[in-house]
Amino acid sequence: MNIKSLLLGSAAALAAVSGAEAADAIVAAEPEPVEYVRVCDAYGTGYFYIPGTETCLKINGYIRFQVDVAPNASSIGAGGGGSVANDSDWDARTRGQVQFTAKSDTEYGPLTGVIVMQFNADNASAQKAILDSAYLDIAGFRAGLFYSWWDDGLSGETDDIGSPVTLHNSIRYQYETDAFYAGISVDELEDGPFYNGETPNNVGVAIGLGGKAGIFSYQITAGYDTDNEEGAVRAMGTVAVGPGTLGLAVVYASNPNAYYTKAEWAIAAEYAIKATDKLKITPAVQYYDNYGVTAGEFNDDVSAWKAGVTIDYQIVDNLSTKVSVQYLDPDNAEDVTSGFFRLQRAF
């Protein structure tokens, strides 16, 4: 009887403990709420809301593979970083570029911020990452590192009517409508060309205006280099003619300065032929008068001319190829033939 009583007592105690544990049931934690990315269509395609904010963000860019062909071809890509000096007549290089664009509404209109990172590689060891642009923009005011109006040009690869350096730390104001814009910019010309004993930390003032009127578009750009006390002005226009677009440009520089250094006068013309929906062929020519620079002055009575053709082909959506061949014949130097082949995937 004692053993039976002990067993019954143990069973009763175990049941009591189990009942107490059952009364203390485990409650599962509620899952954290998930905020899914929302599409932002206020500023065009590709934008989405940064979770938890009212700021819209767009990420885009491209991957480019290019082979340059020219005497000492490796020096062509040196400005993009990552090129190795050699005397080869061809050079392959690769670039990856990513752009982040953020926009949000304010009482003054959209507040925009842009960051562009660029990565250039001539080979596995010769590589360089650069900040290609970074600026803020609101109500027509822009400040930061960005390209000037002098970076614009005709659509082919023959024209040589821009500044040797077009990316500056600048502040500018630009008024614009759907068919017209006009603005003024103050540029730090710290890495441009310097003449007459000038040193870095130069300052320039540029103006730009342009617009569209039916089948015609136009642009006028001017810049004044305050340290060298010289300036340049350029006019460009395009008009739809037949199966393509005719483009003309003329540029004048009072003397070599940060905004134009190639010649005192230059005129360029091209015709971009839309052969098919995917194929564009652009033959072009350019003439230079008082071409080249010696001791800070343009060379008198020296001319040059340039001719070339550029072929653009859209293989599939977001994948394109470009082939360009150019011929330059100056009076005071040997003629040069150059070109490149490019594959580019945009996203």
C-alpha atoms as a PDB file:
ATOM      1  CA  MET A   1       0.000   0.000   0.000  1.00  0.00           C
ATOM      2  CA  ASN A   2       2.854   2.378   0.716  1.00  0.00           C
ATOM      3  CA  ILE A   3       4.384   1.856  -2.760  1.00  0.00           C
ATOM      4  CA  LYS A   4       0.979   2.317  -4.420  1.00  0.00           C
ATOM      5  CA  SER A   5       0.373   5.509  -2.471  1.00  0.00           C
ATOM      6  CA  LEU A   6       3.827   6.820  -3.470  1.00  0.00           C
ATOM      7  CA  LEU A   7       3.181   6.186  -7.175  1.00  0.00           C
ATOM      8  CA  LEU A   8      -0.236   7.834  -7.059  1.00  0.00           C
ATOM      9  CA  GLY A   9       1.200  10.843  -5.229  1.00  0.00           C
ATOM     10  CA  SER A  10       4.001  11.252  -7.808  1.00  0.00           C
ATOM     11  CA  ALA A  11       1.533  11.110 -10.712  1.00  0.00           C
ATOM     12  CA  ALA A  12      -0.673  13.750  -9.069  1.00  0.00           C
ATOM     13  CA  ALA A  13       2.347  16.052  -8.529  1.00  0.00           C
ATOM     14  CA  LEU A  14       3.457  15.652 -12.153  1.00  0.00           C
ATOM     15  CA  ALA A  15      -0.048  16.468 -13.412  1.00  0.00           C
ATOM     16  CA  ALA A  16      -0.136  19.591 -11.244  1.00  0.00           C
ATOM     17  CA  VAL A  17       3.193  20.830 -12.642  1.00  0.00           C
ATOM     18  CA  SER A  18       2.096  20.145 -16.239  1.00  0.00           C
ATOM     19  CA  GLY A  19      -1.135  22.032 -15.651  1.00  0.00           C
ATOM     20  CA  ALA A  20       0.778  25.030 -14.320  1.00  0.00           C
ATOM     21  CA  GLU A  21       3.048  25.073 -17.387  1.00  0.00           C
ATOM     22  CA  ALA A  22       0.029  24.774 -19.708  1.00  0.00           C
ATOM     23  CA  ALA A  23      -1.546  27.790 -18.034  1.00  0.00           C
ATOM     24  CA  ASP A  24       1.640  29.741 -18.860  1.00  0.00           C
ATOM     25  CA  ALA A  25       1.254  29.352 -22.688  1.00  0.00           C
ATOM     26  CA  ILE A  26       3.934  30.876 -24.992  1.00  0.00           C
ATOM     27  CA  VAL A  27       2.636  33.776 -27.150  1.00  0.00           C
ATOM     28  CA  ALA A  28       4.320  34.236 -30.596  1.00  0.00           C
ATOM     29  CA  ALA A  29       5.594  37.757 -31.345  1.00  0.00           C
ATOM     30  CA  GLU A  30       3.694  39.718 -33.994  1.00  0.00           C
ATOM     31  CA  PRO A  31       5.680  40.088 -37.260  1.00  0.00           C
ATOM     32  CA  GLU A  32       7.136  43.515 -38.012  1.00  0.00           C
ATOM     33  CA  PRO A  33       5.062  45.409 -40.561  1.00  0.00           C
ATOM     34  CA  VAL A  34       6.746  45.487 -43.980  1.00  0.00           C
ATOM     35  CA  GLU A  35       6.683  48.695 -46.026  1.00  0.00           C
ATOM     36  CA  TYR A  36       6.933  47.702 -49.651  1.00  0.00           C
ATOM     37  CA  VAL A  37       8.571  50.010 -52.211  1.00  0.00           C
ATOM     38  CA  ARG A  38       5.992  52.255 -53.862  1.00  0.00           C
ATOM     39  CA  VAL A  39       6.273  53.544 -57.419  1.00  0.00           C
ATOM     40  CA  CYS A  40       6.630  57.329 -57.699  1.00  0.00           C
ATOM     41  CA  ASP A  41       5.214  58.555 -61.000  1.00  0.00           C
ATOM     42  CA  ALA A  42       5.317  62.289 -60.249  1.00  0.00           C
ATOM     43  CA  TYR A  43       8.706  62.796 -61.973  1.00  0.00           C
ATOM     44  CA  GLY A  44       8.581  60.254 -64.790  1.00  0.00           C
ATOM     45  CA  THR A  45       9.417  56.582 -65.101  1.00  0.00           C
ATOM     46  CA  GLY A  46      11.921  54.751 -62.926  1.00  0.00           C
ATOM     47  CA  TYR A  47      11.326  56.599 -59.636  1.00  0.00           C
ATOM     48  CA  PHE A  48      10.273  54.943 -56.374  1.00  0.00           C
ATOM     49  CA  TYR A  49       9.668  56.271 -52.870  1.00  0.00           C
ATOM     50  CA  ILE A  50      12.484  55.733 -50.389  1.00  0.00           C
ATOM     51  CA  PRO A  51      10.672  53.722 -47.661  1.00  0.00           C
ATOM     52  CA  GLY A  52       9.499  55.897 -44.790  1.00  0.00           C
ATOM     53  CA  THR A  53       9.970  59.166 -46.735  1.00  0.00           C
ATOM     54  CA  GLU A  54       8.286  61.268 -49.399  1.00  0.00           C
ATOM     55  CA  THR A  55      11.524  61.441 -51.422  1.00  0.00           C
ATOM     56  CA  CYS A  56      11.557  59.764 -54.832  1.00  0.00           C
ATOM     57  CA  LEU A  57      14.716  58.022 -56.019  1.00  0.00           C
ATOM     58  CA  LYS A  58      15.818  56.846 -59.461  1.00  0.00           C
ATOM     59  CA  ILE A  59      18.851  54.641 -60.170  1.00  0.00           C
ATOM     60  CA  ASN A  60      20.142  54.339 -63.717  1.00  0.00           C
ATOM     61  CA  GLY A  61      23.424  54.108 -65.603  1.00  0.00           C
ATOM     62  CA  TYR A  62      25.331  52.160 -68.218  1.00  0.00           C
ATOM     63  CA  ILE A  63      28.118  49.662 -68.869  1.00  0.00           C
ATOM     64  CA  ARG A  64      30.421  50.518 -71.783  1.00  0.00           C
ATOM     65  CA  PHE A  65      33.115  48.547 -73.578  1.00  0.00           C
ATOM     66  CA  GLN A  66      35.186  50.524 -76.076  1.00  0.00           C
ATOM     67  CA  VAL A  67      38.179  49.943 -78.339  1.00  0.00           C
ATOM     68  CA  ASP A  68      40.037  53.074 -79.486  1.00  0.00           C
ATOM     69  CA  VAL A  69      42.182  53.052 -82.621  1.00  0.00           C
ATOM     70  CA  ALA A  70      44.673  55.899 -83.141  1.00  0.00           C
ATOM     71  CA  PRO A  71      48.373  56.690 -82.806  1.00  0.00           C
ATOM     72  CA  ASN A  72      49.193  56.279 -79.088  1.00  0.00           C
ATOM     73  CA  ALA A  73      45.589  55.218 -78.541  1.00  0.00           C
ATOM     74  CA  SER A  74      46.027  54.675 -74.792  1.00  0.00           C
ATOM     75  CA  SER A  75      46.322  58.443 -74.247  1.00  0.00           C
ATOM     76  CA  ILE A  76      42.746  58.921 -75.532  1.00  0.00           C
ATOM     77  CA  GLY A  77      41.255  57.395 -72.398  1.00  0.00           C
ATOM     78  CA  ALA A  78      43.629  59.053 -69.968  1.00  0.00           C
ATOM     79  CA  GLY A  79      41.108  61.747 -69.114  1.00  0.00           C
ATOM     80  CA  GLY A  80      38.652  59.083 -68.018  1.00  0.00           C
ATOM     81  CA  GLY A  81      41.259  57.552 -65.753  1.00  0.00           C
ATOM     82  CA  GLY A  82      42.898  54.189 -65.671  1.00  0.00           C
ATOM     83  CA  SER A  83      44.869  54.290 -68.937  1.00  0.00           C
ATOM     84  CA  VAL A  84      48.409  52.960 -69.192  1.00  0.00           C
ATOM     85  CA  ALA A  85      50.897  54.917 -71.292  1.00  0.00           C
ATOM     86  CA  ASN A  86      52.209  52.965 -74.285  1.00  0.00           C
ATOM     87  CA  ASP A  87      52.832  53.458 -77.980  1.00  0.00           C
ATOM     88  CA  SER A  88      50.193  50.999 -79.198  1.00  0.00           C
ATOM     89  CA  ASP A  89      47.786  52.074 -81.938  1.00  0.00           C
ATOM     90  CA  TRP A  90      44.802  50.474 -80.203  1.00  0.00           C
ATOM     91  CA  ASP A  91      43.495  50.279 -76.654  1.00  0.00           C
ATOM     92  CA  ALA A  92      40.478  48.598 -75.034  1.00  0.00           C
ATOM     93  CA  ARG A  93      38.809  50.063 -71.968  1.00  0.00           C
ATOM     94  CA  THR A  94      35.660  49.522 -69.907  1.00  0.00           C
ATOM     95  CA  ARG A  95      33.456  51.939 -67.982  1.00  0.00           C
ATOM     96  CA  GLY A  96      30.651  51.480 -65.485  1.00  0.00           C
ATOM     97  CA  GLN A  97      28.525  54.480 -64.496  1.00  0.00           C
ATOM     98  CA  VAL A  98      25.742  54.740 -61.920  1.00  0.00           C
ATOM     99  CA  GLN A  99      23.498  57.765 -61.370  1.00  0.00           C
ATOM    100  CA  PHE A 100      21.321  58.423 -58.324  1.00  0.00           C
ATOM    101  CA  THR A 101      18.632  61.098 -58.719  1.00  0.00           C
ATOM    102  CA  ALA A 102      16.523  62.119 -55.704  1.00  0.00           C
ATOM    103  CA  LYS A 103      13.491  64.420 -55.942  1.00  0.00           C
ATOM    104  CA  SER A 104      10.968  65.745 -53.454  1.00  0.00           C
ATOM    105  CA  ASP A 105       8.298  68.446 -53.496  1.00  0.00           C
ATOM    106  CA  THR A 106       8.790  71.769 -51.721  1.00  0.00           C
ATOM    107  CA  GLU A 107       6.990  75.125 -51.714  1.00  0.00           C
ATOM    108  CA  TYR A 108       9.619  76.308 -54.234  1.00  0.00           C
ATOM    109  CA  GLY A 109       9.123  73.389 -56.585  1.00  0.00           C
ATOM    110  CA  PRO A 110      10.999  70.071 -56.857  1.00  0.00           C
ATOM    111  CA  LEU A 111      14.214  69.737 -54.845  1.00  0.00           C
ATOM    112  CA  THR A 112      16.653  67.624 -56.865  1.00  0.00           C
ATOM    113  CA  GLY A 113      19.902  65.956 -55.878  1.00  0.00           C
ATOM    114  CA  VAL A 114      22.122  64.062 -58.315  1.00  0.00           C
ATOM    115  CA  ILE A 115      25.188  61.880 -57.717  1.00  0.00           C
ATOM    116  CA  VAL A 116      26.999  60.227 -60.652  1.00  0.00           C
ATOM    117  CA  MET A 117      29.775  57.731 -59.961  1.00  0.00           C
ATOM    118  CA  GLN A 118      32.010  56.572 -62.795  1.00  0.00           C
ATOM    119  CA  PHE A 119      34.457  53.661 -62.794  1.00  0.00           C
ATOM    120  CA  ASN A 120      37.037  53.359 -65.586  1.00  0.00           C
ATOM    121  CA  ALA A 121      39.398  50.464 -66.231  1.00  0.00           C
ATOM    122  CA  ASP A 122      42.130  50.085 -68.839  1.00  0.00           C
ATOM    123  CA  ASN A 123      43.035  46.691 -67.384  1.00  0.00           C
ATOM    124  CA  ALA A 124      42.858  44.782 -64.098  1.00  0.00           C
ATOM    125  CA  SER A 125      45.315  47.069 -62.306  1.00  0.00           C
ATOM    126  CA  ALA A 126      44.978  50.435 -64.100  1.00  0.00           C
ATOM    127  CA  GLN A 127      41.594  51.579 -62.779  1.00  0.00           C
ATOM    128  CA  LYS A 128      40.089  54.781 -61.467  1.00  0.00           C
ATOM    129  CA  ALA A 129      36.838  55.766 -59.753  1.00  0.00           C
ATOM    130  CA  ILE A 130      35.697  59.380 -60.126  1.00  0.00           C
ATOM    131  CA  LEU A 131      32.805  61.555 -59.023  1.00  0.00           C
ATOM    132  CA  ASP A 132      31.384  62.477 -62.424  1.00  0.00           C
ATOM    133  CA  SER A 133      28.703  64.834 -61.064  1.00  0.00           C
ATOM    134  CA  ALA A 134      27.182  65.812 -57.712  1.00  0.00           C
ATOM    135  CA  TYR A 135      24.807  68.747 -57.402  1.00  0.00           C
ATOM    136  CA  LEU A 136      21.610  70.081 -55.888  1.00  0.00           C
ATOM    137  CA  ASP A 137      18.954  71.925 -57.851  1.00  0.00           C
ATOM    138  CA  ILE A 138      15.886  73.915 -56.777  1.00  0.00           C
ATOM    139  CA  ALA A 139      13.793  76.636 -58.428  1.00  0.00           C
ATOM    140  CA  GLY A 140      16.306  77.018 -61.268  1.00  0.00           C
ATOM    141  CA  PHE A 141      19.343  77.331 -58.978  1.00  0.00           C
ATOM    142  CA  ARG A 142      22.046  74.639 -59.250  1.00  0.00           C
ATOM    143  CA  ALA A 143      25.225  74.264 -57.186  1.00  0.00           C
ATOM    144  CA  GLY A 144      27.874  71.568 -57.129  1.00  0.00           C
ATOM    145  CA  LEU A 145      29.982  69.623 -59.611  1.00  0.00           C
ATOM    146  CA  PHE A 146      28.258  69.472 -63.001  1.00  0.00           C
ATOM    147  CA  TYR A 147      28.832  69.834 -66.755  1.00  0.00           C
ATOM    148  CA  SER A 148      28.606  73.261 -68.343  1.00  0.00           C
ATOM    149  CA  TRP A 149      26.706  74.206 -71.504  1.00  0.00           C
ATOM    150  CA  TRP A 150      30.085  73.949 -73.286  1.00  0.00           C
ATOM    151  CA  ASP A 151      29.847  70.160 -72.938  1.00  0.00           C
ATOM    152  CA  ASP A 152      26.992  70.115 -75.456  1.00  0.00           C
ATOM    153  CA  GLY A 153      27.660  69.482 -79.137  1.00  0.00           C
ATOM    154  CA  LEU A 154      26.252  68.056 -82.325  1.00  0.00           C
ATOM    155  CA  SER A 155      25.052  64.457 -82.264  1.00  0.00           C
ATOM    156  CA  GLY A 156      27.962  62.877 -84.176  1.00  0.00           C
ATOM    157  CA  GLU A 157      31.559  62.380 -83.045  1.00  0.00           C
ATOM    158  CA  THR A 158      33.308  64.670 -85.544  1.00  0.00           C
ATOM    159  CA  ASP A 159      32.603  68.132 -84.119  1.00  0.00           C
ATOM    160  CA  ASP A 160      35.269  69.594 -81.837  1.00  0.00           C
ATOM    161  CA  ILE A 161      33.530  72.706 -80.506  1.00  0.00           C
ATOM    162  CA  GLY A 162      33.570  72.279 -76.725  1.00  0.00           C
ATOM    163  CA  SER A 163      35.808  73.188 -73.823  1.00  0.00           C
ATOM    164  CA  PRO A 164      38.825  70.982 -73.049  1.00  0.00           C
ATOM    165  CA  VAL A 165      37.385  70.621 -69.520  1.00  0.00           C
ATOM    166  CA  THR A 166      33.616  70.963 -69.110  1.00  0.00           C
ATOM    167  CA  LEU A 167      33.077  69.582 -65.578  1.00  0.00           C
ATOM    168  CA  HIS A 168      33.365  72.327 -62.950  1.00  0.00           C
ATOM    169  CA  ASN A 169      32.377  73.232 -59.426  1.00  0.00           C
ATOM    170  CA  SER A 170      29.807  75.880 -60.342  1.00  0.00           C
ATOM    171  CA  ILE A 171      26.748  77.770 -59.279  1.00  0.00           C
ATOM    172  CA  ARG A 172      24.174  78.805 -61.847  1.00  0.00           C
ATOM    173  CA  TYR A 173      20.648  79.974 -62.393  1.00  0.00           C
ATOM    174  CA  GLN A 174      18.629  78.763 -65.371  1.00  0.00           C
ATOM    175  CA  TYR A 175      15.134  79.835 -66.365  1.00  0.00           C
ATOM    176  CA  GLU A 176      13.368  77.346 -68.577  1.00  0.00           C
ATOM    177  CA  THR A 177      10.074  76.457 -70.177  1.00  0.00           C
ATOM    178  CA  ASP A 178       9.166  73.569 -72.463  1.00  0.00           C
ATOM    179  CA  ALA A 179      10.560  75.436 -75.499  1.00  0.00           C
ATOM    180  CA  PHE A 180      13.177  77.866 -74.109  1.00  0.00           C
ATOM    181  CA  TYR A 181      15.933  78.217 -71.516  1.00  0.00           C
ATOM    182  CA  ALA A 182      18.375  80.954 -70.500  1.00  0.00           C
ATOM    183  CA  GLY A 183      20.904  80.996 -67.695  1.00  0.00           C
ATOM    184  CA  ILE A 184      24.131  82.283 -66.209  1.00  0.00           C
ATOM    185  CA  SER A 185      26.866  80.308 -64.451  1.00  0.00           C
ATOM    186  CA  VAL A 186      29.944  81.122 -62.348  1.00  0.00           C
ATOM    187  CA  ASP A 187      32.556  78.368 -62.839  1.00  0.00           C
ATOM    188  CA  GLU A 188      35.709  77.470 -60.950  1.00  0.00           C
ATOM    189  CA  LEU A 189      38.189  76.736 -63.761  1.00  0.00           C
ATOM    190  CA  GLU A 190      40.725  75.044 -61.512  1.00  0.00           C
ATOM    191  CA  ASP A 191      41.758  72.225 -63.863  1.00  0.00           C
ATOM    192  CA  GLY A 192      41.395  73.964 -67.217  1.00  0.00           C
ATOM    193  CA  PRO A 193      44.263  75.212 -69.416  1.00  0.00           C
ATOM    194  CA  PHE A 194      46.242  78.181 -68.085  1.00  0.00           C
ATOM    195  CA  TYR A 195      48.007  80.793 -70.189  1.00  0.00           C
ATOM    196  CA  ASN A 196      50.027  83.986 -69.683  1.00  0.00           C
ATOM    197  CA  GLY A 197      51.546  82.747 -66.433  1.00  0.00           C
ATOM    198  CA  GLU A 198      48.166  82.168 -64.766  1.00  0.00           C
ATOM    199  CA  THR A 199      47.807  79.525 -62.058  1.00  0.00           C
ATOM    200  CA  PRO A 200      44.931  77.301 -60.865  1.00  0.00           C
ATOM    201  CA  ASN A 201      41.814  78.625 -59.133  1.00  0.00           C
ATOM    202  CA  ASN A 202      40.697  80.600 -62.156  1.00  0.00           C
ATOM    203  CA  VAL A 203      37.106  81.888 -62.372  1.00  0.00           C
ATOM    204  CA  GLY A 204      34.851  81.947 -65.418  1.00  0.00           C
ATOM    205  CA  VAL A 205      31.416  83.315 -66.219  1.00  0.00           C
ATOM    206  CA  ALA A 206      29.270  81.533 -68.801  1.00  0.00           C
ATOM    207  CA  ILE A 207      25.846  82.167 -70.273  1.00  0.00           C
ATOM    208  CA  GLY A 208      23.628  79.806 -72.206  1.00  0.00           C
ATOM    209  CA  LEU A 209      20.326  80.092 -74.004  1.00  0.00           C
ATOM    210  CA  GLY A 210      18.490  77.849 -76.388  1.00  0.00           C
ATOM    211  CA  GLY A 211      15.194  76.366 -77.359  1.00  0.00           C
ATOM    212  CA  LYS A 212      13.010  74.746 -79.989  1.00  0.00           C
ATOM    213  CA  ALA A 213      10.650  76.128 -82.594  1.00  0.00           C
ATOM    214  CA  GLY A 214       8.906  73.412 -84.571  1.00  0.00           C
ATOM    215  CA  ILE A 215      11.519  71.390 -86.484  1.00  0.00           C
ATOM    216  CA  PHE A 216      14.287  73.847 -85.553  1.00  0.00           C
ATOM    217  CA  SER A 217      16.407  73.889 -82.373  1.00  0.00           C
ATOM    218  CA  TYR A 218      19.132  76.347 -81.398  1.00  0.00           C
ATOM    219  CA  GLN A 219      21.715  77.061 -78.686  1.00  0.00           C
ATOM    220  CA  ILE A 220      24.022  79.998 -77.996  1.00  0.00           C
ATOM    221  CA  THR A 221      26.780  79.604 -75.410  1.00  0.00           C
ATOM    222  CA  ALA A 222      29.426  82.102 -74.277  1.00  0.00           C
ATOM    223  CA  GLY A 223      32.147  82.072 -71.648  1.00  0.00           C
ATOM    224  CA  TYR A 224      34.635  84.610 -70.265  1.00  0.00           C
ATOM    225  CA  ASP A 225      37.882  83.470 -68.601  1.00  0.00           C
ATOM    226  CA  THR A 226      38.589  86.225 -66.051  1.00  0.00           C
ATOM    227  CA  ASP A 227      42.275  85.406 -65.378  1.00  0.00           C
ATOM    228  CA  ASN A 228      43.278  85.164 -69.033  1.00  0.00           C
ATOM    229  CA  GLU A 229      40.858  87.998 -69.902  1.00  0.00           C
ATOM    230  CA  GLU A 230      39.730  86.108 -73.004  1.00  0.00           C
ATOM    231  CA  GLY A 231      36.408  84.640 -74.039  1.00  0.00           C
ATOM    232  CA  ALA A 232      34.610  82.443 -76.532  1.00  0.00           C
ATOM    233  CA  VAL A 233      31.137  82.224 -78.057  1.00  0.00           C
ATOM    234  CA  ARG A 234      29.397  79.392 -79.894  1.00  0.00           C
ATOM    235  CA  ALA A 235      26.156  79.064 -81.839  1.00  0.00           C
ATOM    236  CA  MET A 236      24.544  75.757 -82.835  1.00  0.00           C
ATOM    237  CA  GLY A 237      21.369  74.867 -84.657  1.00  0.00           C
ATOM    238  CA  THR A 238      19.608  71.768 -86.009  1.00  0.00           C
ATOM    239  CA  VAL A 239      16.706  71.350 -88.401  1.00  0.00           C
ATOM    240  CA  ALA A 240      14.855  68.270 -89.648  1.00  0.00           C
ATOM    241  CA  VAL A 241      15.502  67.842 -93.377  1.00  0.00           C
ATOM    242  CA  GLY A 242      14.339  64.817 -95.349  1.00  0.00           C
ATOM    243  CA  PRO A 243      15.222  61.506 -93.642  1.00  0.00           C
ATOM    244  CA  GLY A 244      17.533  63.115 -91.094  1.00  0.00           C
ATOM    245  CA  THR A 245      18.615  66.164 -89.128  1.00  0.00           C
ATOM    246  CA  LEU A 246      21.039  68.814 -90.387  1.00  0.00           C
ATOM    247  CA  GLY A 247      23.278  70.380 -87.738  1.00  0.00           C
ATOM    248  CA  LEU A 248      25.482  73.476 -88.000  1.00  0.00           C
ATOM    249  CA  ALA A 249      27.803  75.103 -85.449  1.00  0.00           C
ATOM    250  CA  VAL A 250      30.280  77.976 -85.379  1.00  0.00           C
ATOM    251  CA  VAL A 251      32.641  78.972 -82.564  1.00  0.00           C
ATOM    252  CA  TYR A 252      34.946  81.978 -82.031  1.00  0.00           C
ATOM    253  CA  ALA A 253      37.601  82.574 -79.345  1.00  0.00           C
ATOM    254  CA  SER A 254      39.376  85.881 -78.817  1.00  0.00           C
ATOM    255  CA  ASN A 255      42.487  83.918 -77.772  1.00  0.00           C
ATOM    256  CA  PRO A 256      43.087  80.553 -76.068  1.00  0.00           C
ATOM    257  CA  ASN A 257      41.115  80.340 -72.833  1.00  0.00           C
ATOM    258  CA  ALA A 258      39.424  77.784 -70.597  1.00  0.00           C
ATOM    259  CA  TYR A 259      36.288  77.722 -72.758  1.00  0.00           C
ATOM    260  CA  TYR A 260      37.845  77.097 -76.196  1.00  0.00           C
ATOM    261  CA  THR A 261      41.417  76.305 -77.238  1.00  0.00           C
ATOM    262  CA  LYS A 262      41.394  74.633 -80.657  1.00  0.00           C
ATOM    263  CA  ALA A 263      41.328  77.629 -83.023  1.00  0.00           C
ATOM    264  CA  GLU A 264      40.288  81.238 -83.345  1.00  0.00           C
ATOM    265  CA  TRP A 265      37.428  80.206 -85.649  1.00  0.00           C
ATOM    266  CA  ALA A 266      35.804  76.862 -86.335  1.00  0.00           C
ATOM    267  CA  ILE A 267      32.713  75.777 -88.227  1.00  0.00           C
ATOM    268  CA  ALA A 268      31.151  72.313 -88.178  1.00  0.00           C
ATOM    269  CA  ALA A 269      28.356  70.631 -90.119  1.00  0.00           C
ATOM    270  CA  GLU A 270      26.730  67.225 -89.963  1.00  0.00           C
ATOM    271  CA  TYR A 271      23.743  65.331 -91.300  1.00  0.00           C
ATOM    272  CA  ALA A 272      22.303  62.626 -89.039  1.00  0.00           C
ATOM    273  CA  ILE A 273      20.470  60.203 -91.322  1.00  0.00           C
ATOM    274  CA  LYS A 274      17.783  58.051 -89.721  1.00  0.00           C
ATOM    275  CA  ALA A 275      18.265  55.083 -92.054  1.00  0.00           C
ATOM    276  CA  THR A 276      15.945  52.774 -90.079  1.00  0.00           C
ATOM    277  CA  ASP A 277      14.323  52.749 -86.658  1.00  0.00           C
ATOM    278  CA  LYS A 278      17.534  51.236 -85.295  1.00  0.00           C
ATOM    279  CA  LEU A 279      20.247  52.645 -87.577  1.00  0.00           C
ATOM    280  CA  LYS A 280      21.585  56.225 -87.680  1.00  0.00           C
ATOM    281  CA  ILE A 281      24.461  57.320 -89.956  1.00  0.00           C
ATOM    282  CA  THR A 282      26.101  60.711 -89.357  1.00  0.00           C
ATOM    283  CA  PRO A 283      28.686  62.062 -91.803  1.00  0.00           C
ATOM    284  CA  ALA A 284      30.244  65.366 -90.692  1.00  0.00           C
ATOM    285  CA  VAL A 285      32.993  67.913 -91.433  1.00  0.00           C
ATOM    286  CA  GLN A 286      34.741  70.707 -89.523  1.00  0.00           C
ATOM    287  CA  TYR A 287      37.086  73.532 -90.564  1.00  0.00           C
ATOM    288  CA  TYR A 288      39.484  75.405 -88.230  1.00  0.00           C
ATOM    289  CA  ASP A 289      41.099  78.802 -88.926  1.00  0.00           C
ATOM    290  CA  ASN A 290      44.207  79.963 -87.002  1.00  0.00           C
ATOM    291  CA  TYR A 291      44.480  76.443 -85.653  1.00  0.00           C
ATOM    292  CA  GLY A 292      46.541  75.390 -82.639  1.00  0.00           C
ATOM    293  CA  VAL A 293      48.289  77.274 -79.844  1.00  0.00           C
ATOM    294  CA  THR A 294      51.884  78.473 -79.530  1.00  0.00           C
ATOM    295  CA  ALA A 295      53.077  80.499 -76.513  1.00  0.00           C
ATOM    296  CA  GLY A 296      49.509  81.234 -75.448  1.00  0.00           C
ATOM    297  CA  GLU A 297      48.414  82.550 -78.860  1.00  0.00           C
ATOM    298  CA  PHE A 298      46.544  81.002 -81.783  1.00  0.00           C
ATOM    299  CA  ASN A 299      48.723  80.153 -84.782  1.00  0.00           C
ATOM    300  CA  ASP A 300      48.188  82.734 -87.523  1.00  0.00           C
ATOM    301  CA  ASP A 301      47.576  81.486 -91.062  1.00  0.00           C
ATOM    302  CA  VAL A 302      47.354  77.853 -89.944  1.00  0.00           C
ATOM    303  CA  SER A 303      44.210  75.972 -90.856  1.00  0.00           C
ATOM    304  CA  ALA A 304      42.949  72.428 -90.419  1.00  0.00           C
ATOM    305  CA  TRP A 305      39.985  70.387 -91.510  1.00  0.00           C
ATOM    306  CA  LYS A 306      38.361  67.263 -90.200  1.00  0.00           C
ATOM    307  CA  ALA A 307      35.929  64.743 -91.690  1.00  0.00           C
ATOM    308  CA  GLY A 308      34.336  61.638 -90.314  1.00  0.00           C
ATOM    309  CA  VAL A 309      31.361  59.361 -90.032  1.00  0.00           C
ATOM    310  CA  THR A 310      29.601  57.854 -87.015  1.00  0.00           C
ATOM    311  CA  ILE A 311      27.250  54.879 -87.143  1.00  0.00           C
ATOM    312  CA  ASP A 312      24.820  54.177 -84.281  1.00  0.00           C
ATOM    313  CA  TYR A 313      22.859  50.924 -84.148  1.00  0.00           C
ATOM    314  CA  GLN A 314      20.298  49.881 -81.525  1.00  0.00           C
ATOM    315  CA  ILE A 315      20.768  46.111 -81.261  1.00  0.00           C
ATOM    316  CA  VAL A 316      17.920  45.545 -78.793  1.00  0.00           C
ATOM    317  CA  ASP A 317      16.290  47.683 -76.113  1.00  0.00           C
ATOM    318  CA  ASN A 318      19.011  49.129 -73.834  1.00  0.00           C
ATOM    319  CA  LEU A 319      21.864  47.647 -75.896  1.00  0.00           C
ATOM    320  CA  SER A 320      23.521  49.768 -78.579  1.00  0.00           C
ATOM    321  CA  THR A 321      26.718  49.924 -80.582  1.00  0.00           C
ATOM    322  CA  LYS A 322      28.604  52.859 -82.056  1.00  0.00           C
ATOM    323  CA  VAL A 323      31.395  52.941 -84.648  1.00  0.00           C
ATOM    324  CA  SER A 324      33.233  56.170 -85.460  1.00  0.00           C
ATOM    325  CA  VAL A 325      36.066  56.984 -87.901  1.00  0.00           C
ATOM    326  CA  GLN A 326      37.658  60.470 -88.078  1.00  0.00           C
ATOM    327  CA  TYR A 327      40.353  62.069 -90.249  1.00  0.00           C
ATOM    328  CA  LEU A 328      42.167  65.274 -89.184  1.00  0.00           C
ATOM    329  CA  ASP A 329      44.500  67.200 -91.549  1.00  0.00           C
ATOM    330  CA  PRO A 330      46.246  70.264 -90.017  1.00  0.00           C
ATOM    331  CA  ASP A 331      48.648  72.507 -91.972  1.00  0.00           C
ATOM    332  CA  ASN A 332      51.372  72.356 -89.338  1.00  0.00           C
ATOM    333  CA  ALA A 333      51.376  68.645 -88.481  1.00  0.00           C
ATOM    334  CA  GLU A 334      50.843  65.195 -89.929  1.00  0.00           C
ATOM    335  CA  ASP A 335      47.341  64.042 -90.698  1.00  0.00           C
ATOM    336  CA  VAL A 336      45.768  61.589 -88.233  1.00  0.00           C
ATOM    337  CA  THR A 337      43.126  58.885 -88.643  1.00  0.00           C
ATOM    338  CA  SER A 338      41.371  57.702 -85.490  1.00  0.00           C
ATOM    339  CA  GLY A 339      38.203  55.952 -84.419  1.00  0.00           C
ATOM    340  CA  PHE A 340      36.524  53.648 -81.945  1.00  0.00           C
ATOM    341  CA  PHE A 341      34.090  50.775 -81.554  1.00  0.00           C
ATOM    342  CA  ARG A 342      31.677  50.850 -78.599  1.00  0.00           C
ATOM    343  CA  LEU A 343      29.160  48.513 -77.001  1.00  0.00           C
ATOM    344  CA  GLN A 344      26.892  50.005 -74.336  1.00  0.00           C
ATOM    345  CA  ARG A 345      24.197  48.525 -72.113  1.00  0.00           C
ATOM    346  CA  ALA A 346      21.976  51.108 -70.440  1.00  0.00           C
ATOM    347  CA  PHE A 347      19.728  50.505 -67.426  1.00  0.00           C
END
